[in-house]
């Protein structure tokens, strides 16, 4: 028996094809993808606010 969770022969048991490092990488990738979508949403929202302010300024200019 080993302490790293593997078998005595040094092979890692098949847990669906994902190792601990790969699982951490996938979790980090999902986290970063979520941040990208949030930043994209804030960016697009900001563009609309700027556009509405510009429309307001043009309509109320003398």
N, C-alpha and C. Protein backbone atom coordinates (compact mmCIF):
# COMPACT_ATOMS: atom_id res chain seq x y z
N UNK A 1 0.85 -1.18 0.00
CA UNK A 1 0.00 0.00 0.00
C UNK A 1 0.89 1.24 0.00
N UNK A 2 0.47 2.28 -0.72
CA UNK A 2 1.26 3.50 -0.80
C UNK A 2 0.53 4.64 -0.10
N UNK A 3 1.26 5.71 0.15
CA UNK A 3 0.67 6.86 0.83
C UNK A 3 0.13 7.90 -0.14
N UNK A 4 0.46 7.79 -1.45
CA UNK A 4 0.02 8.78 -2.42
C UNK A 4 -1.30 8.44 -3.08
N UNK A 5 -1.95 7.36 -2.66
CA UNK A 5 -3.24 6.99 -3.22
C UNK A 5 -3.13 6.09 -4.42
N UNK A 6 -1.93 5.78 -4.85
CA UNK A 6 -1.73 4.90 -5.99
C UNK A 6 -1.72 3.45 -5.56
N UNK A 7 -1.45 2.57 -6.48
CA UNK A 7 -1.34 1.16 -6.15
C UNK A 7 0.11 0.83 -5.84
N UNK A 8 0.33 -0.37 -5.39
CA UNK A 8 1.68 -0.76 -5.00
C UNK A 8 2.63 -0.76 -6.19
N UNK A 9 2.12 -0.97 -7.39
CA UNK A 9 2.96 -0.98 -8.57
C UNK A 9 3.32 0.41 -9.06
N UNK A 10 2.79 1.44 -8.44
CA UNK A 10 3.08 2.80 -8.85
C UNK A 10 2.06 3.37 -9.80
N UNK A 11 1.10 2.56 -10.23
CA UNK A 11 0.07 3.05 -11.15
C UNK A 11 -0.99 3.81 -10.36
N UNK A 12 -1.54 4.79 -10.99
CA UNK A 12 -2.61 5.58 -10.37
C UNK A 12 -3.94 4.95 -10.76
N UNK A 13 -4.83 4.73 -9.79
CA UNK A 13 -6.12 4.14 -10.14
C UNK A 13 -6.91 5.04 -11.07
N UNK A 14 -7.66 4.42 -11.97
CA UNK A 14 -8.42 5.17 -12.96
C UNK A 14 -9.66 5.77 -12.32
N UNK A 15 -9.65 7.09 -12.13
CA UNK A 15 -10.79 7.78 -11.55
C UNK A 15 -11.52 8.59 -12.59
N UNK A 16 -11.77 8.03 -13.73
CA UNK A 16 -12.46 8.76 -14.78
C UNK A 16 -11.50 9.47 -15.71
N UNK A 17 -10.21 9.21 -15.57
CA UNK A 17 -9.23 9.80 -16.47
C UNK A 17 -8.69 11.14 -16.01
N UNK A 18 -9.09 11.61 -14.84
CA UNK A 18 -8.59 12.90 -14.36
C UNK A 18 -7.71 12.69 -13.14
N UNK A 19 -6.56 13.27 -13.19
CA UNK A 19 -5.67 13.24 -12.03
C UNK A 19 -5.95 14.45 -11.17
N UNK A 20 -5.32 14.48 -10.02
CA UNK A 20 -5.55 15.60 -9.10
C UNK A 20 -5.09 16.92 -9.72
N UNK A 21 -3.96 16.90 -10.40
CA UNK A 21 -3.45 18.11 -11.03
C UNK A 21 -4.34 18.58 -12.17
N UNK A 22 -4.85 17.61 -12.94
CA UNK A 22 -5.73 17.96 -14.05
C UNK A 22 -7.06 18.52 -13.52
N UNK A 23 -7.55 17.97 -12.43
CA UNK A 23 -8.79 18.47 -11.84
C UNK A 23 -8.62 19.91 -11.35
N UNK A 24 -7.48 20.18 -10.72
CA UNK A 24 -7.21 21.57 -10.27
C UNK A 24 -7.13 22.52 -11.45
N UNK A 25 -6.48 22.05 -12.54
CA UNK A 25 -6.36 22.89 -13.73
C UNK A 25 -7.73 23.17 -14.33
N UNK A 26 -8.60 22.17 -14.37
CA UNK A 26 -9.95 22.37 -14.91
C UNK A 26 -10.76 23.33 -14.03
N UNK A 27 -10.63 23.21 -12.71
CA UNK A 27 -11.33 24.13 -11.81
C UNK A 27 -10.84 25.55 -12.01
N UNK A 28 -9.52 25.72 -12.16
CA UNK A 28 -8.96 27.04 -12.38
C UNK A 28 -9.42 27.60 -13.72
N UNK A 29 -9.49 26.73 -14.74
CA UNK A 29 -9.95 27.17 -16.05
C UNK A 29 -11.41 27.63 -15.99
N UNK A 30 -12.25 26.88 -15.27
CA UNK A 30 -13.65 27.29 -15.12
C UNK A 30 -13.77 28.62 -14.39
N UNK A 31 -12.94 28.80 -13.35
CA UNK A 31 -12.96 30.05 -12.59
C UNK A 31 -12.56 31.22 -13.48
N UNK A 32 -11.48 31.03 -14.25
CA UNK A 32 -11.03 32.10 -15.14
C UNK A 32 -12.05 32.39 -16.23
N UNK A 33 -12.72 31.35 -16.74
CA UNK A 33 -13.73 31.56 -17.77
C UNK A 33 -14.91 32.36 -17.22
N UNK A 34 -15.27 32.09 -15.97
CA UNK A 34 -16.34 32.85 -15.32
C UNK A 34 -15.95 34.33 -15.21
N UNK A 35 -14.69 34.58 -14.83
CA UNK A 35 -14.22 35.97 -14.74
C UNK A 35 -14.24 36.65 -16.11
N UNK A 36 -13.87 35.92 -17.16
CA UNK A 36 -13.89 36.51 -18.50
C UNK A 36 -15.30 36.93 -18.87
N UNK A 37 -16.30 36.06 -18.59
CA UNK A 37 -17.69 36.41 -18.90
C UNK A 37 -18.16 37.60 -18.07
N UNK A 38 -17.73 37.67 -16.80
CA UNK A 38 -18.11 38.82 -15.97
C UNK A 38 -17.51 40.11 -16.51
N UNK A 39 -16.22 40.08 -16.85
CA UNK A 39 -15.58 41.27 -17.40
C UNK A 39 -16.22 41.67 -18.72
N UNK A 40 -16.56 40.70 -19.56
CA UNK A 40 -17.22 41.01 -20.83
C UNK A 40 -18.58 41.65 -20.57
N UNK A 41 -19.32 41.12 -19.61
CA UNK A 41 -20.62 41.70 -19.27
C UNK A 41 -20.50 43.13 -18.77
N UNK A 42 -19.55 43.37 -17.87
CA UNK A 42 -19.35 44.73 -17.36
C UNK A 42 -18.92 45.67 -18.48
N UNK A 43 -18.07 45.20 -19.38
CA UNK A 43 -17.60 46.02 -20.49
C UNK A 43 -18.76 46.41 -21.39
N UNK A 44 -19.59 45.43 -21.76
CA UNK A 44 -20.72 45.73 -22.63
C UNK A 44 -21.74 46.64 -21.94
N UNK A 45 -21.95 46.43 -20.66
CA UNK A 45 -22.85 47.29 -19.89
C UNK A 45 -22.31 48.72 -19.88
N UNK A 46 -21.00 48.84 -19.67
CA UNK A 46 -20.38 50.17 -19.66
C UNK A 46 -20.49 50.87 -20.99
N UNK A 47 -20.33 50.14 -22.08
CA UNK A 47 -20.49 50.74 -23.41
C UNK A 47 -21.89 51.31 -23.58
N UNK A 48 -22.90 50.58 -23.10
CA UNK A 48 -24.27 51.07 -23.23
C UNK A 48 -24.50 52.32 -22.38
N UNK A 49 -23.93 52.36 -21.20
CA UNK A 49 -24.08 53.55 -20.36
C UNK A 49 -23.44 54.75 -21.07
N UNK A 50 -22.24 54.57 -21.60
CA UNK A 50 -21.58 55.66 -22.32
C UNK A 50 -22.42 56.10 -23.52
N UNK A 51 -22.99 55.14 -24.25
CA UNK A 51 -23.80 55.47 -25.41
C UNK A 51 -25.04 56.26 -25.00
N UNK A 52 -25.70 55.86 -23.92
CA UNK A 52 -26.89 56.59 -23.46
C UNK A 52 -26.55 58.01 -23.01
N UNK A 53 -25.41 58.16 -22.35
CA UNK A 53 -24.98 59.49 -21.93
C UNK A 53 -24.67 60.35 -23.15
N UNK A 54 -24.04 59.79 -24.17
CA UNK A 54 -23.74 60.55 -25.37
C UNK A 54 -25.01 60.92 -26.10
N UNK A 55 -25.96 60.02 -26.19
CA UNK A 55 -27.25 60.33 -26.83
C UNK A 55 -27.95 61.46 -26.09
N UNK A 56 -27.95 61.37 -24.75
CA UNK A 56 -28.57 62.41 -23.93
C UNK A 56 -27.88 63.76 -24.18
N UNK A 57 -26.55 63.74 -24.23
CA UNK A 57 -25.81 64.99 -24.43
C UNK A 57 -26.09 65.58 -25.79
N UNK A 58 -26.19 64.77 -26.82
CA UNK A 58 -26.45 65.28 -28.17
C UNK A 58 -27.87 65.84 -28.25
N UNK A 59 -28.83 65.17 -27.65
CA UNK A 59 -30.22 65.61 -27.73
C UNK A 59 -30.45 66.90 -26.93
N UNK A 60 -29.68 67.11 -25.89
CA UNK A 60 -29.87 68.28 -25.05
C UNK A 60 -28.85 69.39 -25.30
N UNK A 61 -28.04 69.25 -26.33
CA UNK A 61 -27.07 70.29 -26.66
C UNK A 61 -27.79 71.46 -27.32
N UNK A 62 -27.29 72.67 -27.07
CA UNK A 62 -27.94 73.84 -27.66
C UNK A 62 -27.10 74.40 -28.77
